[in-house]
């Protein structure tokens, strides 16, 4: 993980409402949907655009597993 990937992830964590809204809309979120949210975030975030950085696959997996408290493979 690069320093810029770390910073991008911190910006993502500041905007967790993106995840909350998606879960509210669909009642759950699987890993693919989670990846879509993070990818869309990187496409629209000023820092990510300026530095041409994305959230790494390892960061996505770690965050998803951390949030998936019941280990169902979905965020409810």
C-alpha atoms as a PDB file:
ATOM      1  CA  UNK A   1       0.000   0.000   0.000  1.00  0.00           C
ATOM      2  CA  UNK A   2       1.324   3.397  -0.919  1.00  0.00           C
ATOM      3  CA  UNK A   3       1.004   6.533   1.160  1.00  0.00           C
ATOM      4  CA  UNK A   4      -1.463   7.995  -1.364  1.00  0.00           C
ATOM      5  CA  UNK A   5      -3.599   4.830  -1.198  1.00  0.00           C
ATOM      6  CA  UNK A   6      -3.642   5.230   2.569  1.00  0.00           C
ATOM      7  CA  UNK A   7      -4.767   8.857   2.275  1.00  0.00           C
ATOM      8  CA  UNK A   8      -7.429   7.929  -0.295  1.00  0.00           C
ATOM      9  CA  UNK A   9      -8.757   5.292   2.090  1.00  0.00           C
ATOM     10  CA  UNK A  10      -8.908   7.840   4.901  1.00  0.00           C
ATOM     11  CA  UNK A  11     -11.018  10.110   2.688  1.00  0.00           C
ATOM     12  CA  UNK A  12     -13.275   7.140   1.950  1.00  0.00           C
ATOM     13  CA  UNK A  13     -13.705   6.442   5.668  1.00  0.00           C
ATOM     14  CA  UNK A  14     -14.745  10.063   6.190  1.00  0.00           C
ATOM     15  CA  UNK A  15     -17.583   9.437   3.730  1.00  0.00           C
ATOM     16  CA  UNK A  16     -19.096   6.262   5.177  1.00  0.00           C
ATOM     17  CA  UNK A  17     -22.519   7.708   4.404  1.00  0.00           C
ATOM     18  CA  UNK A  18     -21.943   6.331   0.902  1.00  0.00           C
ATOM     19  CA  UNK A  19     -22.055   2.825   2.357  1.00  0.00           C
ATOM     20  CA  UNK A  20     -24.949   3.567   4.675  1.00  0.00           C
ATOM     21  CA  UNK A  21     -27.033   4.922   1.814  1.00  0.00           C
ATOM     22  CA  UNK A  22     -26.330   1.914  -0.386  1.00  0.00           C
ATOM     23  CA  UNK A  23     -27.211  -0.530   2.405  1.00  0.00           C
ATOM     24  CA  UNK A  24     -30.397   1.419   3.150  1.00  0.00           C
ATOM     25  CA  UNK A  25     -31.347   1.340  -0.512  1.00  0.00           C
ATOM     26  CA  UNK A  26     -30.752  -2.386  -1.113  1.00  0.00           C
ATOM     27  CA  UNK A  27     -31.013  -3.707   2.492  1.00  0.00           C
ATOM     28  CA  UNK A  28     -27.624  -5.404   2.081  1.00  0.00           C
ATOM     29  CA  UNK A  29     -24.325  -5.000   0.275  1.00  0.00           C
ATOM     30  CA  UNK A  30     -22.143  -7.816  -0.997  1.00  0.00           C
ATOM     31  CA  UNK A  31     -18.448  -7.510  -1.752  1.00  0.00           C
ATOM     32  CA  UNK A  32     -18.992  -6.657  -5.421  1.00  0.00           C
ATOM     33  CA  UNK A  33     -21.341  -3.817  -4.505  1.00  0.00           C
ATOM     34  CA  UNK A  34     -18.815  -2.633  -1.909  1.00  0.00           C
ATOM     35  CA  UNK A  35     -16.106  -2.581  -4.580  1.00  0.00           C
ATOM     36  CA  UNK A  36     -18.405  -0.600  -6.887  1.00  0.00           C
ATOM     37  CA  UNK A  37     -18.907   2.009  -4.163  1.00  0.00           C
ATOM     38  CA  UNK A  38     -15.177   2.320  -3.517  1.00  0.00           C
ATOM     39  CA  UNK A  39     -14.391   2.507  -7.238  1.00  0.00           C
ATOM     40  CA  UNK A  40     -17.033   5.187  -7.790  1.00  0.00           C
ATOM     41  CA  UNK A  41     -15.647   7.094  -4.829  1.00  0.00           C
ATOM     42  CA  UNK A  42     -12.178   7.071  -6.402  1.00  0.00           C
ATOM     43  CA  UNK A  43     -13.595   8.312  -9.701  1.00  0.00           C
ATOM     44  CA  UNK A  44     -15.216  11.330  -8.037  1.00  0.00           C
ATOM     45  CA  UNK A  45     -12.893  12.192  -5.139  1.00  0.00           C
ATOM     46  CA  UNK A  46     -10.638  15.185  -5.852  1.00  0.00           C
ATOM     47  CA  UNK A  47      -7.605  13.678  -4.124  1.00  0.00           C
ATOM     48  CA  UNK A  48      -7.902  10.381  -6.002  1.00  0.00           C
ATOM     49  CA  UNK A  49      -8.285  12.176  -9.309  1.00  0.00           C
ATOM     50  CA  UNK A  50      -5.393  14.574  -8.700  1.00  0.00           C
ATOM     51  CA  UNK A  51      -3.015  11.852  -7.489  1.00  0.00           C
ATOM     52  CA  UNK A  52      -4.365   9.196  -9.900  1.00  0.00           C
ATOM     53  CA  UNK A  53      -4.783   6.760  -7.027  1.00  0.00           C
ATOM     54  CA  UNK A  54      -7.339   4.092  -6.167  1.00  0.00           C
ATOM     55  CA  UNK A  55      -8.155   2.207  -3.008  1.00  0.00           C
ATOM     56  CA  UNK A  56      -6.168  -1.020  -3.122  1.00  0.00           C
ATOM     57  CA  UNK A  57      -7.754  -4.460  -3.252  1.00  0.00           C
ATOM     58  CA  UNK A  58      -6.216  -5.308   0.126  1.00  0.00           C
ATOM     59  CA  UNK A  59      -7.792  -2.219   1.694  1.00  0.00           C
ATOM     60  CA  UNK A  60     -11.182  -3.132   0.223  1.00  0.00           C
ATOM     61  CA  UNK A  61     -11.012  -6.695   1.517  1.00  0.00           C
ATOM     62  CA  UNK A  62      -9.828  -5.672   4.974  1.00  0.00           C
ATOM     63  CA  UNK A  63     -12.510  -3.014   5.370  1.00  0.00           C
ATOM     64  CA  UNK A  64     -15.285  -5.287   4.115  1.00  0.00           C
ATOM     65  CA  UNK A  65     -14.265  -8.114   6.449  1.00  0.00           C
ATOM     66  CA  UNK A  66     -14.048  -5.679   9.360  1.00  0.00           C
ATOM     67  CA  UNK A  67     -17.569  -4.380   8.710  1.00  0.00           C
ATOM     68  CA  UNK A  68     -19.051  -7.852   8.089  1.00  0.00           C
ATOM     69  CA  UNK A  69     -19.547  -8.677  11.753  1.00  0.00           C
ATOM     70  CA  UNK A  70     -21.591 -11.844  11.222  1.00  0.00           C
ATOM     71  CA  UNK A  71     -19.274 -13.144   8.478  1.00  0.00           C
ATOM     72  CA  UNK A  72     -22.208 -13.617   6.096  1.00  0.00           C
ATOM     73  CA  UNK A  73     -20.392 -12.115   3.133  1.00  0.00           C
ATOM     74  CA  UNK A  74     -22.890  -9.230   3.131  1.00  0.00           C
ATOM     75  CA  UNK A  75     -23.256  -5.972   4.989  1.00  0.00           C
ATOM     76  CA  UNK A  76     -26.727  -5.535   6.424  1.00  0.00           C
END
